[in-house]
Each structure stands twice: as structure tokens, then as C-alpha cells.
Protein backbone atom coordinates (compact mmCIF):
# COMPACT_ATOMS: atom_id res chain seq x y z
CA MET A 1 77.12 102.79 91.30
CA ASN A 2 73.30 103.19 91.68
CA GLU A 3 71.26 105.46 94.16
CA TYR A 4 70.99 102.86 97.42
CA TRP A 5 75.25 102.82 97.41
CA GLN A 6 76.45 106.11 96.58
CA ASP A 7 75.74 107.84 100.56
CA LYS A 8 77.08 104.77 101.78
CA ARG A 9 80.53 105.15 99.86
CA ALA A 10 82.87 106.67 101.87
CA ASP A 11 83.69 110.37 100.79
CA ILE A 12 87.33 110.33 100.21
CA SER A 13 87.37 113.77 99.26
CA SER A 14 86.79 115.04 103.06
CA ILE A 15 90.27 113.47 104.14
CA ARG A 16 92.41 116.11 105.31
CA CYS A 17 94.83 114.55 107.30
CA PRO A 18 98.19 112.63 105.67
CA ALA A 19 97.56 109.11 104.25
CA TYR A 20 100.00 106.12 104.44
CA VAL A 21 97.65 103.75 101.61
CA LEU A 22 98.26 100.37 101.12
CA ALA A 23 97.64 98.52 98.10
CA SER A 24 97.85 94.42 97.08
CA ILE A 25 98.51 93.22 93.30
CA SER A 26 98.10 89.84 94.53
CA THR A 27 93.92 90.18 94.47
CA GLY A 28 91.51 92.09 93.33
CA LEU A 29 89.63 92.37 96.28
CA HIS A 30 90.40 96.04 97.37
CA THR A 31 93.14 96.52 94.42
CA VAL A 32 91.02 98.93 93.08
CA GLY A 33 88.87 100.70 95.59
CA SER A 34 92.48 101.60 97.31
CA LEU A 35 94.40 103.08 94.16
CA ARG A 36 91.08 105.18 93.53
CA GLY A 37 90.65 106.21 96.86
CA PHE A 38 94.23 107.51 97.00
CA GLU A 39 93.78 109.18 93.69
CA ASP A 40 90.34 110.84 95.12
CA ILE A 41 92.25 112.29 98.66
CA PRO A 42 92.35 115.91 97.65
CA HIS A 43 96.32 116.80 98.95
CA ASP A 44 99.68 115.84 98.75
CA LYS A 45 100.01 114.38 102.01
CA LYS A 46 99.67 110.97 100.56
CA TRP A 47 102.38 108.26 100.04
CA LEU A 48 100.77 104.60 97.91
CA ARG A 49 103.05 101.50 98.45
CA LEU A 50 101.75 99.36 96.21
CA HIS A 51 102.80 95.16 97.27
CA SER A 52 103.40 92.33 95.84
CA THR A 53 101.88 89.62 98.25
CA GLN A 54 98.69 89.26 100.35
CA GLU A 55 97.35 91.89 102.50
CA TRP A 56 97.75 90.52 105.84
CA HIS A 57 101.22 88.67 105.01
CA ASP A 58 102.44 92.26 104.41
CA LEU A 59 101.28 94.01 107.10
CA TYR A 60 103.40 91.59 109.37
CA GLN A 61 106.97 91.97 107.48
CA LYS A 62 109.47 93.64 109.51
CA HIS A 63 109.93 96.22 106.33
CA SER A 64 106.36 97.05 106.79
CA VAL A 65 106.21 98.05 110.11
CA ALA A 66 108.94 100.01 109.80
CA ASP A 67 107.99 101.90 107.47
CA PHE A 68 104.84 102.40 108.41
CA LYS A 69 106.32 103.41 111.96
CA LYS A 70 108.75 105.67 110.34
CA PHE A 71 105.55 107.26 108.69
CA LEU A 72 103.68 107.50 111.84
CA ASP A 73 106.63 108.79 114.09
CA PHE A 74 106.64 111.72 111.72
CA TYR A 75 103.33 112.66 111.83
CA LEU A 76 102.35 111.96 115.42
CA LYS A 77 105.46 112.38 117.15
CA GLY A 78 107.15 115.31 115.28
CA GLU A 79 110.35 113.39 114.35
CA ASN A 80 112.44 114.89 111.86
CA ASN A 81 113.04 111.38 110.21
CA GLY A 82 113.38 112.37 106.27
CA TRP A 83 109.88 111.22 105.54
CA GLU A 84 108.53 113.26 103.21
CA GLN A 85 111.59 112.72 100.88
CA THR A 86 109.80 109.41 100.89
CA ALA A 87 108.76 108.86 96.81
CA ARG A 88 104.79 109.03 97.07
CA ALA A 89 104.07 106.17 94.97
CA ARG A 90 106.42 102.62 95.56
CA ILE A 91 105.34 99.54 93.51
CA SER A 92 106.43 96.14 93.58
CA VAL A 93 106.74 94.23 90.23
CA ILE A 94 105.59 90.97 89.51
CA SER A 95 107.58 88.70 86.80
CA TYR A 96 107.03 85.28 85.27
CA ASN A 97 109.59 83.01 87.19
CA GLN A 98 111.74 85.61 89.23
CA THR A 99 111.43 87.14 92.58
CA PRO A 100 109.12 90.37 92.78
CA GLN A 101 111.09 93.67 92.37
CA GLN A 102 110.06 95.25 95.78
CA SER A 103 109.14 99.20 96.62
CA ILE A 104 110.54 100.54 93.31
CA ASP A 105 110.36 104.43 93.70
CA ARG A 106 108.53 106.48 91.29
CA HIS A 107 109.25 110.61 92.47
CA ASP A 108 107.82 113.12 90.47
């Protein structure tokens, strides 16, 4: 990155609020930036879900909406719904000629 672009890049290190980060492995368009952003958030109130479909397709799936709603209900409404027990990083694995394995949990 050169000097021109440096001041246009978001300062991820200044994020203080809880973060719900999505990344898609089906395209390379935003994957690296999403993963780098997740790593650069300077606190542990962050969750990553690496999904196997196009970004827009995943966003509107019932399971995705329900998951994000649980995050929002916990932080915005103060609901005791067990959100903080959700694995910090969940990945989907794509295998050749098989159905992808969705949201494999990796706990610390």
C-alpha cells in the first residue's frame, strides 16, 4: 500500500464495540479484507463466520439472519441468550463433489 491509500484505509484498531464479521470463501473479493479486519480488531468481543456461498446469498438465509439476530439481541437488547458461548470463529469447509460442511465451531 502506498502513501496515497494509507489514510483512506479504515482504522480497524479503533473499533471498541462488539463485532460480527462475515467472510466468504466462494469469492476472493472481500475475503482477505474481512479476515484481516477480524484479526486487527483489538479486543475479544468479536465473532467470525466464514461461509461457503456468495455474500448476498448467505446474508438472507434464515439461519444467518437468526444467528445475527441473536448477536444483536444480546448486545442491543441485553437478552441473556447464550451468545457469548458461541465459538469465536466458525468456518465452512468446501469439499470436492460433496455438500459443504457449514459453521464448524472452533472454540479457544
